[in-house]
């Protein structure tokens, strides 16, 4: 007597929330018979496929929630234009980047790939099991200034403290409200206390952040917290956006 004869396997797989196994079961059964697999081999393959599918689903969801303006992996990033050695990023491409709360400031002129590199680092963190969020400094400051005026500052700040990794893009690119340093400090200090990493991009020297944020003392305190477990890396070289200018011939009416 076959004890599994009356078992509704598809129903059990659905109840156990194993859609990938349910979808691939028939194909794996045929392969198992054809290639002489044992039960353990077939089960191992099905479980591995289920885990891989769940991880891919988690990554896609985390990428949507991160609100990246575009997506790029560290493998796709072109280090040529930024003139930055990839090995310098090793501390930011592993689990310890998140678990030890390491911070990174990517500095340089516009077009050197700072934002793309920050996204690639955050995407790597997502791939190894964490989540992330992208925001520009201007959007974060505007959000928190409005929240202050409506009595929601603590709630709004918490939204930037929750992600495992936070990218604050373009510090210094736009003028900010007079209370910029105060609201940004709340985010930085909160993440510092929680030991959560931050990625900044900026076109300003660190000694200019006080002028940008309208408060030298708070800017100094903010940078001190970031740099305690972080470092600053410069991206130099030509602008990636203007790379075509060196290779394309001039237009017919363009002066040479």
C-alpha atoms as a PDB file:
ATOM      1  CA  UNK A   1       0.000   0.000   0.000  1.00  0.00           C
ATOM      2  CA  UNK A   2       1.311   3.416  -0.976  1.00  0.00           C
ATOM      3  CA  UNK A   3       0.927   5.784   2.038  1.00  0.00           C
ATOM      4  CA  UNK A   4       1.140   8.828  -0.276  1.00  0.00           C
ATOM      5  CA  UNK A   5      -1.524   7.650  -2.700  1.00  0.00           C
ATOM      6  CA  UNK A   6      -4.236   9.856  -1.238  1.00  0.00           C
ATOM      7  CA  UNK A   7      -2.017  12.887  -0.583  1.00  0.00           C
ATOM      8  CA  UNK A   8      -2.913  15.970  -2.624  1.00  0.00           C
ATOM      9  CA  UNK A   9       0.653  17.171  -3.155  1.00  0.00           C
ATOM     10  CA  UNK A  10      -0.172  20.354  -5.118  1.00  0.00           C
ATOM     11  CA  UNK A  11      -2.565  21.398  -2.357  1.00  0.00           C
ATOM     12  CA  UNK A  12       0.088  20.762   0.288  1.00  0.00           C
ATOM     13  CA  UNK A  13       2.687  22.782  -1.627  1.00  0.00           C
ATOM     14  CA  UNK A  14       0.219  25.655  -1.957  1.00  0.00           C
ATOM     15  CA  UNK A  15      -0.566  25.493   1.754  1.00  0.00           C
ATOM     16  CA  UNK A  16       3.154  25.544   2.548  1.00  0.00           C
ATOM     17  CA  UNK A  17       3.664  28.525   0.202  1.00  0.00           C
ATOM     18  CA  UNK A  18       6.108  26.690  -2.082  1.00  0.00           C
ATOM     19  CA  UNK A  19       5.063  27.931  -5.530  1.00  0.00           C
ATOM     20  CA  UNK A  20       8.404  27.296  -7.238  1.00  0.00           C
ATOM     21  CA  UNK A  21       8.458  23.649  -6.144  1.00  0.00           C
ATOM     22  CA  UNK A  22       4.849  23.255  -7.273  1.00  0.00           C
ATOM     23  CA  UNK A  23       5.668  24.773 -10.651  1.00  0.00           C
ATOM     24  CA  UNK A  24       8.785  22.687 -11.273  1.00  0.00           C
ATOM     25  CA  UNK A  25       7.697  19.419  -9.661  1.00  0.00           C
ATOM     26  CA  UNK A  26       6.541  17.650 -12.820  1.00  0.00           C
ATOM     27  CA  UNK A  27       9.695  18.549 -14.746  1.00  0.00           C
ATOM     28  CA  UNK A  28      11.971  17.438 -11.900  1.00  0.00           C
ATOM     29  CA  UNK A  29      10.024  14.176 -11.549  1.00  0.00           C
ATOM     30  CA  UNK A  30      10.694  13.389 -15.216  1.00  0.00           C
ATOM     31  CA  UNK A  31      14.390  14.268 -14.896  1.00  0.00           C
ATOM     32  CA  UNK A  32      14.692  12.171 -11.744  1.00  0.00           C
ATOM     33  CA  UNK A  33      13.305   9.121 -13.492  1.00  0.00           C
ATOM     34  CA  UNK A  34      15.297   9.705 -16.684  1.00  0.00           C
ATOM     35  CA  UNK A  35      18.627  10.371 -14.955  1.00  0.00           C
ATOM     36  CA  UNK A  36      18.190   7.965 -12.056  1.00  0.00           C
ATOM     37  CA  UNK A  37      18.106  10.500  -9.244  1.00  0.00           C
ATOM     38  CA  UNK A  38      17.245   9.538  -5.722  1.00  0.00           C
ATOM     39  CA  UNK A  39      14.590  11.286  -3.637  1.00  0.00           C
ATOM     40  CA  UNK A  40      17.245  13.362  -1.848  1.00  0.00           C
ATOM     41  CA  UNK A  41      18.703  14.657  -5.121  1.00  0.00           C
ATOM     42  CA  UNK A  42      15.326  15.702  -6.495  1.00  0.00           C
ATOM     43  CA  UNK A  43      14.300  17.315  -3.199  1.00  0.00           C
ATOM     44  CA  UNK A  44      17.607  19.193  -2.950  1.00  0.00           C
ATOM     45  CA  UNK A  45      17.158  20.641  -6.443  1.00  0.00           C
ATOM     46  CA  UNK A  46      13.567  21.686  -5.773  1.00  0.00           C
ATOM     47  CA  UNK A  47      14.473  23.329  -2.460  1.00  0.00           C
ATOM     48  CA  UNK A  48      17.421  25.166  -4.036  1.00  0.00           C
ATOM     49  CA  UNK A  49      15.159  26.522  -6.791  1.00  0.00           C
ATOM     50  CA  UNK A  50      12.585  27.641  -4.217  1.00  0.00           C
ATOM     51  CA  UNK A  51      15.201  29.486  -2.181  1.00  0.00           C
ATOM     52  CA  UNK A  52      16.698  31.130  -5.278  1.00  0.00           C
ATOM     53  CA  UNK A  53      13.289  32.297  -6.471  1.00  0.00           C
ATOM     54  CA  UNK A  54      12.426  33.723  -3.059  1.00  0.00           C
ATOM     55  CA  UNK A  55      15.715  35.588  -2.947  1.00  0.00           C
ATOM     56  CA  UNK A  56      15.143  37.050  -6.415  1.00  0.00           C
ATOM     57  CA  UNK A  57      11.651  38.135  -5.382  1.00  0.00           C
ATOM     58  CA  UNK A  58      13.068  39.755  -2.233  1.00  0.00           C
ATOM     59  CA  UNK A  59      15.731  41.593  -4.242  1.00  0.00           C
ATOM     60  CA  UNK A  60      13.199  42.951  -6.751  1.00  0.00           C
ATOM     61  CA  UNK A  61      10.966  44.163  -3.911  1.00  0.00           C
ATOM     62  CA  UNK A  62      13.876  45.760  -2.042  1.00  0.00           C
ATOM     63  CA  UNK A  63      15.032  47.556  -5.197  1.00  0.00           C
ATOM     64  CA  UNK A  64      11.548  49.038  -5.704  1.00  0.00           C
ATOM     65  CA  UNK A  65      11.408  50.164  -2.087  1.00  0.00           C
ATOM     66  CA  UNK A  66      14.899  51.692  -2.308  1.00  0.00           C
ATOM     67  CA  UNK A  67      13.635  54.278  -4.842  1.00  0.00           C
ATOM     68  CA  UNK A  68      16.834  54.279  -6.868  1.00  0.00           C
ATOM     69  CA  UNK A  69      16.606  56.694  -9.832  1.00  0.00           C
ATOM     70  CA  UNK A  70      18.326  53.962 -11.870  1.00  0.00           C
ATOM     71  CA  UNK A  71      19.929  50.605 -11.140  1.00  0.00           C
ATOM     72  CA  UNK A  72      23.547  49.617 -11.635  1.00  0.00           C
ATOM     73  CA  UNK A  73      25.618  46.812 -10.152  1.00  0.00           C
ATOM     74  CA  UNK A  74      29.210  47.057  -9.003  1.00  0.00           C
ATOM     75  CA  UNK A  75      30.160  44.770 -11.906  1.00  0.00           C
ATOM     76  CA  UNK A  76      28.615  47.222 -14.363  1.00  0.00           C
ATOM     77  CA  UNK A  77      30.229  50.319 -12.887  1.00  0.00           C
ATOM     78  CA  UNK A  78      32.986  51.793 -15.063  1.00  0.00           C
ATOM     79  CA  UNK A  79      35.885  52.661 -12.769  1.00  0.00           C
ATOM     80  CA  UNK A  80      37.813  54.238 -15.654  1.00  0.00           C
ATOM     81  CA  UNK A  81      36.155  57.634 -15.526  1.00  0.00           C
ATOM     82  CA  UNK A  82      36.221  58.007 -11.746  1.00  0.00           C
ATOM     83  CA  UNK A  83      39.863  56.894 -11.552  1.00  0.00           C
ATOM     84  CA  UNK A  84      39.089  54.956  -8.396  1.00  0.00           C
ATOM     85  CA  UNK A  85      40.610  51.568  -7.614  1.00  0.00           C
ATOM     86  CA  UNK A  86      37.926  48.964  -7.016  1.00  0.00           C
ATOM     87  CA  UNK A  87      39.887  47.355  -4.188  1.00  0.00           C
ATOM     88  CA  UNK A  88      39.318  50.489  -2.080  1.00  0.00           C
ATOM     89  CA  UNK A  89      35.634  49.576  -1.993  1.00  0.00           C
ATOM     90  CA  UNK A  90      36.139  46.092  -0.549  1.00  0.00           C
ATOM     91  CA  UNK A  91      35.023  47.197   2.967  1.00  0.00           C
ATOM     92  CA  UNK A  92      31.719  48.403   1.461  1.00  0.00           C
ATOM     93  CA  UNK A  93      30.845  45.342  -0.617  1.00  0.00           C
ATOM     94  CA  UNK A  94      30.468  42.842   2.225  1.00  0.00           C
ATOM     95  CA  UNK A  95      28.108  42.179   5.133  1.00  0.00           C
ATOM     96  CA  UNK A  96      30.379  44.073   7.524  1.00  0.00           C
ATOM     97  CA  UNK A  97      29.586  47.285   5.658  1.00  0.00           C
ATOM     98  CA  UNK A  98      26.097  47.056   7.153  1.00  0.00           C
ATOM     99  CA  UNK A  99      26.704  45.139  10.369  1.00  0.00           C
ATOM    100  CA  UNK A 100      29.543  47.435  11.438  1.00  0.00           C
ATOM    101  CA  UNK A 101      27.829  50.639  10.299  1.00  0.00           C
ATOM    102  CA  UNK A 102      30.565  51.801   7.945  1.00  0.00           C
ATOM    103  CA  UNK A 103      30.027  55.137   6.189  1.00  0.00           C
ATOM    104  CA  UNK A 104      31.338  56.466   2.916  1.00  0.00           C
ATOM    105  CA  UNK A 105      31.497  59.941   1.372  1.00  0.00           C
ATOM    106  CA  UNK A 106      32.019  59.929  -2.388  1.00  0.00           C
ATOM    107  CA  UNK A 107      33.322  63.323  -3.467  1.00  0.00           C
ATOM    108  CA  UNK A 108      34.065  64.862  -6.831  1.00  0.00           C
ATOM    109  CA  UNK A 109      32.838  67.057  -9.617  1.00  0.00           C
ATOM    110  CA  UNK A 110      29.615  66.390 -11.462  1.00  0.00           C
ATOM    111  CA  UNK A 111      29.603  63.457 -13.852  1.00  0.00           C
ATOM    112  CA  UNK A 112      32.308  61.380 -12.155  1.00  0.00           C
ATOM    113  CA  UNK A 113      29.947  58.542 -11.226  1.00  0.00           C
ATOM    114  CA  UNK A 114      29.396  59.265  -7.533  1.00  0.00           C
ATOM    115  CA  UNK A 115      25.666  58.548  -7.527  1.00  0.00           C
ATOM    116  CA  UNK A 116      26.055  55.459  -9.696  1.00  0.00           C
ATOM    117  CA  UNK A 117      28.738  54.068  -7.403  1.00  0.00           C
ATOM    118  CA  UNK A 118      26.648  54.739  -4.290  1.00  0.00           C
ATOM    119  CA  UNK A 119      23.705  52.917  -5.883  1.00  0.00           C
ATOM    120  CA  UNK A 120      25.944  50.005  -6.886  1.00  0.00           C
ATOM    121  CA  UNK A 121      27.186  49.664  -3.303  1.00  0.00           C
ATOM    122  CA  UNK A 122      23.654  49.807  -1.895  1.00  0.00           C
ATOM    123  CA  UNK A 123      22.495  47.291  -4.489  1.00  0.00           C
ATOM    124  CA  UNK A 124      25.234  44.899  -3.391  1.00  0.00           C
ATOM    125  CA  UNK A 125      23.927  45.246   0.180  1.00  0.00           C
ATOM    126  CA  UNK A 126      20.451  44.344  -1.076  1.00  0.00           C
ATOM    127  CA  UNK A 127      21.823  41.304  -2.902  1.00  0.00           C
ATOM    128  CA  UNK A 128      23.365  39.940   0.290  1.00  0.00           C
ATOM    129  CA  UNK A 129      20.217  40.334   2.359  1.00  0.00           C
ATOM    130  CA  UNK A 130      19.737  43.955   3.478  1.00  0.00           C
ATOM    131  CA  UNK A 131      17.515  46.817   2.373  1.00  0.00           C
ATOM    132  CA  UNK A 132      18.298  50.377   1.324  1.00  0.00           C
ATOM    133  CA  UNK A 133      16.832  53.765   0.516  1.00  0.00           C
ATOM    134  CA  UNK A 134      17.951  56.494  -1.862  1.00  0.00           C
ATOM    135  CA  UNK A 135      17.222  60.195  -1.397  1.00  0.00           C
ATOM    136  CA  UNK A 136      18.807  63.423  -2.469  1.00  0.00           C
ATOM    137  CA  UNK A 137      19.925  65.749   0.289  1.00  0.00           C
ATOM    138  CA  UNK A 138      17.507  68.384  -1.003  1.00  0.00           C
ATOM    139  CA  UNK A 139      14.514  66.010  -0.905  1.00  0.00           C
ATOM    140  CA  UNK A 140      15.396  64.774   2.576  1.00  0.00           C
ATOM    141  CA  UNK A 141      15.834  68.276   3.964  1.00  0.00           C
ATOM    142  CA  UNK A 142      12.647  69.570   2.328  1.00  0.00           C
ATOM    143  CA  UNK A 143      10.719  66.582   3.674  1.00  0.00           C
ATOM    144  CA  UNK A 144      11.957  67.118   7.225  1.00  0.00           C
ATOM    145  CA  UNK A 145      11.485  70.891   7.136  1.00  0.00           C
ATOM    146  CA  UNK A 146       7.839  70.409   6.139  1.00  0.00           C
ATOM    147  CA  UNK A 147       7.470  67.709   8.801  1.00  0.00           C
ATOM    148  CA  UNK A 148       8.846  70.125  11.408  1.00  0.00           C
ATOM    149  CA  UNK A 149       6.253  72.718  10.483  1.00  0.00           C
ATOM    150  CA  UNK A 150       3.451  70.174  10.834  1.00  0.00           C
ATOM    151  CA  UNK A 151       4.669  68.552  14.038  1.00  0.00           C
ATOM    152  CA  UNK A 152       5.745  65.279  12.364  1.00  0.00           C
ATOM    153  CA  UNK A 153       9.528  65.604  12.566  1.00  0.00           C
ATOM    154  CA  UNK A 154      10.113  62.503  14.727  1.00  0.00           C
ATOM    155  CA  UNK A 155       7.898  60.356  12.498  1.00  0.00           C
ATOM    156  CA  UNK A 156       9.498  61.666   9.297  1.00  0.00           C
ATOM    157  CA  UNK A 157      13.015  61.207  10.685  1.00  0.00           C
ATOM    158  CA  UNK A 158      12.225  57.602  11.620  1.00  0.00           C
ATOM    159  CA  UNK A 159      11.568  56.830   7.954  1.00  0.00           C
ATOM    160  CA  UNK A 160      15.236  57.603   7.224  1.00  0.00           C
ATOM    161  CA  UNK A 161      16.455  55.621  10.225  1.00  0.00           C
ATOM    162  CA  UNK A 162      14.713  52.367   9.263  1.00  0.00           C
ATOM    163  CA  UNK A 163      16.613  51.226   6.131  1.00  0.00           C
ATOM    164  CA  UNK A 164      19.766  49.191   6.615  1.00  0.00           C
ATOM    165  CA  UNK A 165      21.588  51.450   4.126  1.00  0.00           C
ATOM    166  CA  UNK A 166      20.801  55.107   3.389  1.00  0.00           C
ATOM    167  CA  UNK A 167      22.104  57.045   0.388  1.00  0.00           C
ATOM    168  CA  UNK A 168      22.047  60.832   0.742  1.00  0.00           C
ATOM    169  CA  UNK A 169      22.874  62.097  -2.719  1.00  0.00           C
ATOM    170  CA  UNK A 170      24.144  65.478  -3.921  1.00  0.00           C
ATOM    171  CA  UNK A 171      25.065  67.238  -0.685  1.00  0.00           C
ATOM    172  CA  UNK A 172      25.844  70.802  -1.662  1.00  0.00           C
ATOM    173  CA  UNK A 173      24.336  70.849  -5.148  1.00  0.00           C
ATOM    174  CA  UNK A 174      21.302  73.009  -4.265  1.00  0.00           C
ATOM    175  CA  UNK A 175      20.551  75.735  -1.707  1.00  0.00           C
ATOM    176  CA  UNK A 176      18.856  74.460   1.444  1.00  0.00           C
ATOM    177  CA  UNK A 177      16.566  75.883   4.094  1.00  0.00           C
ATOM    178  CA  UNK A 178      18.198  77.605   7.050  1.00  0.00           C
ATOM    179  CA  UNK A 179      17.331  74.644   9.293  1.00  0.00           C
ATOM    180  CA  UNK A 180      19.047  72.160   6.954  1.00  0.00           C
ATOM    181  CA  UNK A 181      21.842  71.269   9.372  1.00  0.00           C
ATOM    182  CA  UNK A 182      19.419  70.701  12.223  1.00  0.00           C
ATOM    183  CA  UNK A 183      17.131  68.253  10.403  1.00  0.00           C
ATOM    184  CA  UNK A 184      19.984  66.450   8.634  1.00  0.00           C
ATOM    185  CA  UNK A 185      21.853  66.105  11.910  1.00  0.00           C
ATOM    186  CA  UNK A 186      18.845  64.296  13.378  1.00  0.00           C
ATOM    187  CA  UNK A 187      19.085  61.636  10.677  1.00  0.00           C
ATOM    188  CA  UNK A 188      22.871  61.286  10.893  1.00  0.00           C
ATOM    189  CA  UNK A 189      22.923  61.132  14.679  1.00  0.00           C
ATOM    190  CA  UNK A 190      20.066  58.632  14.780  1.00  0.00           C
ATOM    191  CA  UNK A 191      21.809  56.320  12.340  1.00  0.00           C
ATOM    192  CA  UNK A 192      25.121  56.817  14.148  1.00  0.00           C
ATOM    193  CA  UNK A 193      23.547  55.695  17.424  1.00  0.00           C
ATOM    194  CA  UNK A 194      21.884  52.721  15.694  1.00  0.00           C
ATOM    195  CA  UNK A 195      25.172  51.807  13.980  1.00  0.00           C
ATOM    196  CA  UNK A 196      23.591  51.987  10.505  1.00  0.00           C
ATOM    197  CA  UNK A 197      25.662  52.909   7.431  1.00  0.00           C
ATOM    198  CA  UNK A 198      25.288  55.992   5.242  1.00  0.00           C
ATOM    199  CA  UNK A 199      26.517  56.763   1.746  1.00  0.00           C
ATOM    200  CA  UNK A 200      26.927  60.420   0.791  1.00  0.00           C
ATOM    201  CA  UNK A 201      27.771  61.993  -2.541  1.00  0.00           C
ATOM    202  CA  UNK A 202      28.964  65.580  -2.700  1.00  0.00           C
ATOM    203  CA  UNK A 203      30.688  68.099  -4.932  1.00  0.00           C
ATOM    204  CA  UNK A 204      31.881  70.108  -1.925  1.00  0.00           C
ATOM    205  CA  UNK A 205      34.887  69.735   0.352  1.00  0.00           C
ATOM    206  CA  UNK A 206      33.943  68.711   3.881  1.00  0.00           C
ATOM    207  CA  UNK A 207      35.065  72.083   5.231  1.00  0.00           C
ATOM    208  CA  UNK A 208      32.383  73.683   3.022  1.00  0.00           C
ATOM    209  CA  UNK A 209      29.471  71.703   4.472  1.00  0.00           C
ATOM    210  CA  UNK A 210      28.983  74.274   7.223  1.00  0.00           C
ATOM    211  CA  UNK A 211      28.385  76.988   4.638  1.00  0.00           C
ATOM    212  CA  UNK A 212      26.104  74.728   2.605  1.00  0.00           C
ATOM    213  CA  UNK A 213      24.051  73.690   5.637  1.00  0.00           C
ATOM    214  CA  UNK A 214      24.060  77.161   7.283  1.00  0.00           C
ATOM    215  CA  UNK A 215      25.607  75.942  10.553  1.00  0.00           C
ATOM    216  CA  UNK A 216      29.331  75.315  10.995  1.00  0.00           C
ATOM    217  CA  UNK A 217      29.047  73.667  14.413  1.00  0.00           C
ATOM    218  CA  UNK A 218      26.297  71.222  13.478  1.00  0.00           C
ATOM    219  CA  UNK A 219      28.007  70.430  10.198  1.00  0.00           C
ATOM    220  CA  UNK A 220      31.215  69.647  12.082  1.00  0.00           C
ATOM    221  CA  UNK A 221      29.326  67.401  14.526  1.00  0.00           C
ATOM    222  CA  UNK A 222      27.565  65.698  11.641  1.00  0.00           C
ATOM    223  CA  UNK A 223      30.803  65.018   9.744  1.00  0.00           C
ATOM    224  CA  UNK A 224      32.482  63.816  12.944  1.00  0.00           C
ATOM    225  CA  UNK A 225      29.831  61.125  13.372  1.00  0.00           C
ATOM    226  CA  UNK A 226      30.027  60.070   9.734  1.00  0.00           C
ATOM    227  CA  UNK A 227      33.819  59.862   9.677  1.00  0.00           C
ATOM    228  CA  UNK A 228      34.198  57.970  12.961  1.00  0.00           C
ATOM    229  CA  UNK A 229      33.288  54.760  11.131  1.00  0.00           C
ATOM    230  CA  UNK A 230      33.785  56.041   7.603  1.00  0.00           C
ATOM    231  CA  UNK A 231      36.056  57.537   5.021  1.00  0.00           C
ATOM    232  CA  UNK A 232      36.015  59.927   2.090  1.00  0.00           C
ATOM    233  CA  UNK A 233      36.940  58.800  -1.414  1.00  0.00           C
ATOM    234  CA  UNK A 234      37.442  61.152  -4.350  1.00  0.00           C
ATOM    235  CA  UNK A 235      36.370  60.393  -7.902  1.00  0.00           C
ATOM    236  CA  UNK A 236      38.435  62.368 -10.378  1.00  0.00           C
ATOM    237  CA  UNK A 237      39.071  62.106 -14.098  1.00  0.00           C
ATOM    238  CA  UNK A 238      36.843  63.276 -16.957  1.00  0.00           C
ATOM    239  CA  UNK A 239      33.070  63.575 -16.802  1.00  0.00           C
ATOM    240  CA  UNK A 240      31.267  60.408 -17.810  1.00  0.00           C
ATOM    241  CA  UNK A 241      28.434  62.468 -19.291  1.00  0.00           C
ATOM    242  CA  UNK A 242      30.875  64.318 -21.574  1.00  0.00           C
ATOM    243  CA  UNK A 243      32.812  61.196 -22.637  1.00  0.00           C
ATOM    244  CA  UNK A 244      31.404  61.357 -26.191  1.00  0.00           C
ATOM    245  CA  UNK A 245      33.026  64.741 -26.752  1.00  0.00           C
ATOM    246  CA  UNK A 246      36.445  63.131 -26.921  1.00  0.00           C
ATOM    247  CA  UNK A 247      35.471  60.500 -29.474  1.00  0.00           C
ATOM    248  CA  UNK A 248      32.777  61.919 -31.713  1.00  0.00           C
ATOM    249  CA  UNK A 249      33.796  64.073 -34.698  1.00  0.00           C
ATOM    250  CA  UNK A 250      32.600  67.700 -34.650  1.00  0.00           C
ATOM    251  CA  UNK A 251      29.362  68.589 -36.386  1.00  0.00           C
ATOM    252  CA  UNK A 252      29.605  70.091 -39.867  1.00  0.00           C
ATOM    253  CA  UNK A 253      29.066  73.671 -38.629  1.00  0.00           C
ATOM    254  CA  UNK A 254      30.871  73.252 -35.331  1.00  0.00           C
ATOM    255  CA  UNK A 255      34.139  75.194 -34.916  1.00  0.00           C
ATOM    256  CA  UNK A 256      37.206  72.969 -34.571  1.00  0.00           C
END
